[in-house]
Amino acid sequence: MQKRVVFRNRWLPYLLVAPQIAVTLIFFIWPAYQALETSFFVEDVFGFSRNFVWFENFTRLFADKGYLRSFWTTLVFGLSVTFLSMSMALALAVAANRVLKAATAYRTFLIWPYAVAPALAGVLWYFMMNPSLGILAYMLEGTFGVDWNHYVNGNQALLLVIIAAAWKQISYNFLFFLAGLQSIPKSLIEAAAIDGASPTRRFWTIVFPLLSPTTFFLLVVNLVYAFFDTFAIIHATTNGGPADATSILVYKVYSTGFVGQDYGSSAAQSVILMVLVIAMTVVQFRFIERKVQY
């Protein structure tokens, strides 16, 4: 029989959730409504006048080849960051779970990068990969003969922001994967080892399926991170260039609204991005979650 919490004051539950509701309304619902409203108008740069244009901002966007190209850039960027950060974090978590000596220090070093601000992470990789004075760019040219110059090479610029964004997120994923690994009963792995299963087979048949709830959670978090929280990294590293090669959807919203002063088009882009993220989350919970073993 489940116990039910009973409050003596009928208004106490509403009072307890009131701060969270206020934060949601002020910082999420109201800005979303403002963006939706602004997307139907064309405003002057000073905001003194605006004209109602219905869906003209949206139709102009989908007729813009540069904006359509940013969809493909966002898809490649989001999937690459998610795969790279999660795979590296899982490999490090498996290695850290086996460490016996100096385990605390080893795990602490792996967690440290998460404390670095996104803009600082972008600046860090910007200097390391700078074609003139970057140590990693110098090593690539001296060791592998790669002429690294992300100022003019769009593919190299996209690779740079992918690596910087994934490196920033590895520590976050590492924490959850390590916690998931430590919650798996050792008896299951020992029984499989006694039956003659190799370490690789034990991982893919026992360990990884038991990590599916953690993996699903991190999949959702990392995709949202790649779509929304990587603006500072791109802004500090490439400014969306060269030739919009690293201009993902969230950076397009900034460049159109704050740089180009086209607030109606910027609001329309933010609405499209919001709809895409909602649809992606629904698909993940509707179809991918079915394969999660709790």
Protein backbone atom coordinates (compact mmCIF):
# COMPACT_ATOMS: atom_id res chain seq x y z
CA MET A 1 0.00 0.00 0.00
CA GLN A 2 1.49 3.33 -1.05
CA LYS A 3 1.55 6.17 1.41
CA ARG A 4 0.07 9.42 0.22
CA VAL A 5 1.50 12.74 1.30
CA VAL A 6 -1.12 14.92 2.96
CA PHE A 7 -0.56 18.65 3.45
CA ARG A 8 -2.31 20.38 6.32
CA ASN A 9 -2.58 23.59 4.34
CA ARG A 10 -4.26 23.24 0.94
CA TRP A 11 -2.19 26.10 -0.51
CA LEU A 12 1.20 24.75 0.60
CA PRO A 13 1.76 22.46 -2.46
CA TYR A 14 1.04 25.35 -4.83
CA LEU A 15 3.37 27.59 -2.84
CA LEU A 16 6.19 25.04 -3.08
CA VAL A 17 5.97 24.71 -6.86
CA ALA A 18 5.31 28.43 -7.44
CA PRO A 19 9.04 29.39 -7.85
CA GLN A 20 9.57 26.74 -10.52
CA ILE A 21 6.38 27.72 -12.31
CA ALA A 22 7.42 31.38 -12.23
CA VAL A 23 10.86 30.55 -13.66
CA THR A 24 9.27 28.45 -16.42
CA LEU A 25 6.79 31.16 -17.34
CA ILE A 26 9.31 34.03 -17.28
CA PHE A 27 12.31 32.38 -18.90
CA PHE A 28 10.70 29.75 -21.18
CA ILE A 29 7.01 30.27 -21.97
CA TRP A 30 7.09 34.06 -22.33
CA PRO A 31 10.22 34.20 -24.59
CA ALA A 32 8.77 31.39 -26.72
CA TYR A 33 5.54 33.33 -27.14
CA GLN A 34 7.46 36.52 -27.98
CA ALA A 35 9.48 34.68 -30.63
CA LEU A 36 6.34 33.17 -32.12
CA GLU A 37 4.64 36.58 -32.25
CA THR A 38 7.67 38.37 -33.71
CA SER A 39 8.04 35.74 -36.46
CA PHE A 40 4.89 37.09 -38.12
CA PHE A 41 6.19 40.68 -38.34
CA VAL A 42 8.84 42.65 -40.20
CA GLU A 43 10.41 45.33 -37.98
CA ASP A 44 12.76 48.20 -38.68
CA VAL A 45 16.20 48.10 -37.09
CA PHE A 46 15.18 50.56 -34.36
CA GLY A 47 11.95 48.79 -33.43
CA PHE A 48 9.76 51.84 -33.98
CA SER A 49 7.43 50.20 -36.50
CA ARG A 50 6.54 46.75 -37.71
CA ASN A 51 4.28 45.23 -40.35
CA PHE A 52 2.27 42.03 -40.10
CA VAL A 53 3.37 39.72 -42.95
CA TRP A 54 1.85 36.36 -41.99
CA PHE A 55 4.22 33.54 -43.06
CA GLU A 56 6.48 35.62 -45.30
CA ASN A 57 9.46 35.25 -42.93
CA PHE A 58 9.14 31.47 -43.07
CA THR A 59 8.73 31.26 -46.85
CA ARG A 60 11.79 33.47 -47.38
CA LEU A 61 13.81 31.22 -45.10
CA PHE A 62 12.98 28.03 -46.96
CA ALA A 63 13.83 29.77 -50.25
CA ASP A 64 17.26 30.74 -48.91
CA LYS A 65 19.92 28.20 -49.96
CA GLY A 66 22.25 29.36 -47.21
CA TYR A 67 19.66 28.66 -44.53
CA LEU A 68 18.81 25.26 -46.00
CA ARG A 69 22.52 24.42 -46.06
CA SER A 70 22.67 25.17 -42.32
CA PHE A 71 20.24 22.28 -41.74
CA TRP A 72 22.78 19.83 -43.16
CA THR A 73 25.59 21.50 -41.20
CA THR A 74 23.56 21.22 -37.99
CA LEU A 75 22.77 17.55 -38.65
CA VAL A 76 26.41 16.64 -39.28
CA PHE A 77 27.58 18.71 -36.33
CA GLY A 78 24.96 17.37 -33.89
CA LEU A 79 25.39 13.69 -34.75
CA SER A 80 29.20 13.94 -34.80
CA VAL A 81 29.40 15.71 -31.43
CA THR A 82 26.97 13.26 -29.85
CA PHE A 83 28.71 10.15 -31.18
CA LEU A 84 32.24 11.37 -30.46
CA SER A 85 31.54 12.63 -26.92
CA MET A 86 29.50 9.59 -25.88
CA SER A 87 31.86 6.98 -27.37
CA MET A 88 34.94 8.59 -25.85
CA ALA A 89 33.22 9.00 -22.49
CA LEU A 90 32.13 5.35 -22.48
CA ALA A 91 35.65 4.16 -23.28
CA LEU A 92 37.12 6.33 -20.52
CA ALA A 93 34.46 5.21 -18.04
CA VAL A 94 35.19 1.54 -18.75
CA ALA A 95 38.90 2.20 -18.25
CA ALA A 96 38.31 4.21 -15.07
CA ASN A 97 36.05 1.48 -13.66
CA ARG A 98 38.97 -0.96 -13.84
CA VAL A 99 41.51 1.34 -12.21
CA LEU A 100 42.37 0.36 -8.65
CA LYS A 101 45.39 2.50 -7.77
CA ALA A 102 44.96 6.29 -7.78
CA ALA A 103 41.38 5.87 -9.00
CA THR A 104 40.18 9.11 -7.38
CA ALA A 105 42.90 11.20 -9.00
CA TYR A 106 42.34 9.55 -12.37
CA ARG A 107 38.61 10.26 -12.30
CA THR A 108 39.15 13.81 -11.06
CA PHE A 109 41.40 14.62 -14.02
CA LEU A 110 38.75 13.31 -16.40
CA ILE A 111 36.01 15.41 -14.78
CA TRP A 112 37.93 18.71 -14.77
CA PRO A 113 37.18 19.75 -18.40
CA TYR A 114 33.46 20.00 -17.56
CA ALA A 115 34.24 23.00 -15.34
CA VAL A 116 35.62 24.89 -18.35
CA ALA A 117 33.18 27.44 -19.81
CA PRO A 118 32.10 26.77 -23.43
CA ALA A 119 33.63 30.05 -24.67
CA LEU A 120 36.90 29.21 -22.93
CA ALA A 121 36.89 25.73 -24.45
CA GLY A 122 36.48 27.30 -27.88
CA VAL A 123 39.34 29.74 -27.29
CA LEU A 124 41.55 26.90 -26.01
CA TRP A 125 41.08 24.84 -29.14
CA TYR A 126 41.33 27.97 -31.29
CA PHE A 127 44.87 28.59 -30.04
CA MET A 128 45.92 24.93 -30.18
CA MET A 129 44.75 24.63 -33.81
CA ASN A 130 45.84 28.10 -34.94
CA PRO A 131 47.71 27.61 -38.25
CA SER A 132 50.38 30.16 -37.26
CA LEU A 133 51.14 29.36 -33.62
CA GLY A 134 49.02 26.36 -32.63
CA ILE A 135 50.93 23.39 -31.24
CA LEU A 136 48.48 20.82 -32.63
CA ALA A 137 48.46 22.45 -36.07
CA TYR A 138 52.28 22.36 -36.03
CA MET A 139 52.25 18.66 -35.08
CA LEU A 140 49.75 17.81 -37.82
CA GLU A 141 51.92 19.48 -40.44
CA GLY A 142 55.21 18.12 -39.13
CA THR A 143 54.06 14.54 -38.47
CA PHE A 144 51.32 13.85 -41.02
CA GLY A 145 51.93 16.58 -43.59
CA VAL A 146 48.46 18.07 -43.08
CA ASP A 147 48.26 21.73 -44.07
CA TRP A 148 45.86 22.88 -41.38
CA ASN A 149 44.15 26.23 -41.93
CA HIS A 150 40.57 26.41 -40.69
CA TYR A 151 40.38 30.08 -41.73
CA VAL A 152 39.97 29.09 -45.38
CA ASN A 153 39.04 25.38 -45.23
CA GLY A 154 35.39 24.89 -44.27
CA ASN A 155 35.71 21.15 -43.58
CA GLN A 156 38.62 21.74 -41.23
CA ALA A 157 36.69 24.49 -39.44
CA LEU A 158 33.70 22.19 -38.97
CA LEU A 159 35.99 19.44 -37.67
CA LEU A 160 37.54 21.90 -35.23
CA VAL A 161 34.23 22.95 -33.66
CA ILE A 162 33.08 19.31 -33.52
CA ILE A 163 36.21 18.32 -31.58
CA ALA A 164 35.97 21.34 -29.27
CA ALA A 165 32.27 20.75 -28.52
CA ALA A 166 32.75 17.00 -27.99
CA TRP A 167 35.77 17.54 -25.71
CA LYS A 168 33.70 19.90 -23.56
CA GLN A 169 30.92 17.30 -23.14
CA ILE A 170 33.02 14.17 -22.54
CA SER A 171 33.36 14.80 -18.79
CA TYR A 172 29.59 15.13 -18.33
CA ASN A 173 28.97 11.85 -20.15
CA PHE A 174 31.81 10.20 -18.27
CA LEU A 175 30.17 10.89 -14.91
CA PHE A 176 26.92 9.18 -15.88
CA PHE A 177 28.55 6.23 -17.64
CA LEU A 178 30.85 5.62 -14.68
CA ALA A 179 27.92 5.73 -12.25
CA GLY A 180 26.02 3.29 -14.47
CA LEU A 181 28.98 0.91 -14.65
CA GLN A 182 29.42 0.92 -10.90
CA SER A 183 25.75 0.05 -10.38
CA ILE A 184 26.00 -3.16 -12.45
CA PRO A 185 26.25 -6.23 -10.15
CA LYS A 186 29.71 -7.77 -10.33
CA SER A 187 28.18 -11.22 -9.96
CA LEU A 188 26.71 -11.06 -13.48
CA ILE A 189 30.06 -10.27 -15.06
CA GLU A 190 31.86 -12.90 -12.96
CA ALA A 191 29.31 -15.56 -13.94
CA ALA A 192 29.79 -14.73 -17.62
CA ALA A 193 33.57 -14.90 -17.18
CA ILE A 194 33.26 -18.34 -15.57
CA ASP A 195 31.15 -19.47 -18.54
CA GLY A 196 34.03 -18.51 -20.82
CA ALA A 197 32.74 -15.24 -22.28
CA SER A 198 35.50 -12.93 -23.48
CA PRO A 199 35.74 -9.34 -22.13
CA THR A 200 34.37 -7.98 -25.40
CA ARG A 201 31.42 -10.37 -25.37
CA ARG A 202 30.72 -9.61 -21.70
CA PHE A 203 30.62 -5.91 -22.49
CA TRP A 204 28.23 -6.10 -25.47
CA THR A 205 25.91 -8.77 -24.06
CA ILE A 206 25.76 -7.75 -20.38
CA VAL A 207 27.29 -4.37 -19.60
CA PHE A 208 26.09 -2.27 -22.53
CA PRO A 209 22.43 -3.47 -22.43
CA LEU A 210 22.31 -2.64 -18.71
CA LEU A 211 23.62 0.84 -19.56
CA SER A 212 20.77 1.49 -22.02
CA PRO A 213 18.79 3.82 -19.66
CA THR A 214 21.92 5.93 -19.11
CA THR A 215 22.76 5.85 -22.82
CA PHE A 216 19.26 6.96 -23.79
CA PHE A 217 19.32 9.81 -21.29
CA LEU A 218 22.72 10.99 -22.53
CA LEU A 219 21.59 10.69 -26.16
CA VAL A 220 18.77 13.18 -25.53
CA VAL A 221 20.97 15.51 -23.47
CA ASN A 222 23.83 15.50 -25.97
CA LEU A 223 21.64 16.21 -28.98
CA VAL A 224 20.03 19.15 -27.18
CA TYR A 225 23.51 20.30 -26.14
CA ALA A 226 24.79 20.13 -29.72
CA PHE A 227 21.80 22.09 -31.02
CA PHE A 228 21.59 24.80 -28.35
CA ASP A 229 24.59 24.99 -26.01
CA THR A 230 27.41 25.11 -28.55
CA PHE A 231 26.85 28.70 -29.66
CA ALA A 232 29.67 30.05 -27.46
CA ILE A 233 32.15 27.48 -28.81
CA ILE A 234 31.40 28.34 -32.44
CA HIS A 235 31.35 32.08 -31.75
CA ALA A 236 34.74 31.97 -30.00
CA THR A 237 36.35 29.63 -32.52
CA THR A 238 35.15 30.31 -36.06
CA ASN A 239 32.34 32.93 -35.91
CA GLY A 240 30.32 30.63 -38.14
CA GLY A 241 32.89 30.78 -40.96
CA PRO A 242 34.50 30.38 -43.30
CA ALA A 243 31.62 31.04 -45.72
CA ASP A 244 29.06 29.83 -43.14
CA ALA A 245 30.71 26.39 -43.05
CA THR A 246 30.18 26.19 -39.27
CA SER A 247 26.99 28.24 -39.06
CA ILE A 248 24.52 25.85 -37.43
CA LEU A 249 20.87 26.77 -36.85
CA VAL A 250 21.35 28.32 -33.42
CA TYR A 251 24.21 30.48 -34.72
CA LYS A 252 22.06 31.51 -37.70
CA VAL A 253 19.49 32.88 -35.26
CA TYR A 254 22.18 35.10 -33.69
CA SER A 255 23.79 36.26 -36.93
CA THR A 256 20.44 37.13 -38.52
CA GLY A 257 18.98 38.89 -35.49
CA PHE A 258 21.90 40.57 -33.74
CA VAL A 259 24.25 41.07 -36.67
CA GLY A 260 21.83 41.47 -39.56
CA GLN A 261 19.16 43.23 -37.44
CA ASP A 262 16.40 41.17 -39.12
CA TYR A 263 14.38 40.34 -36.02
CA GLY A 264 11.40 38.82 -37.83
CA SER A 265 13.54 36.32 -39.72
CA SER A 266 15.57 35.56 -36.57
CA ALA A 267 12.37 34.88 -34.61
CA ALA A 268 11.11 32.62 -37.40
CA GLN A 269 14.37 30.67 -37.28
CA SER A 270 14.08 30.25 -33.51
CA VAL A 271 10.51 28.93 -33.92
CA ILE A 272 11.67 26.42 -36.54
CA LEU A 273 14.53 25.33 -34.30
CA MET A 274 12.17 24.93 -31.34
CA VAL A 275 9.78 22.78 -33.42
CA LEU A 276 12.67 20.62 -34.66
CA VAL A 277 13.97 19.98 -31.15
CA ILE A 278 10.47 19.15 -29.85
CA ALA A 279 9.92 16.75 -32.77
CA MET A 280 13.32 15.14 -32.25
CA THR A 281 12.64 14.63 -28.53
CA VAL A 282 9.21 13.13 -29.23
CA VAL A 283 10.70 10.70 -31.76
CA GLN A 284 13.39 9.66 -29.30
CA PHE A 285 10.93 8.98 -26.49
CA ARG A 286 8.35 7.42 -28.85
CA PHE A 287 10.58 5.00 -30.75
CA ILE A 288 14.11 4.80 -29.33
CA GLU A 289 12.99 4.41 -25.72
CA ARG A 290 11.27 1.14 -26.65
CA LYS A 291 14.69 -0.49 -26.94
CA VAL A 292 15.77 0.71 -23.51
CA GLN A 293 15.94 -2.07 -20.91
CA TYR A 294 15.11 -0.82 -17.43
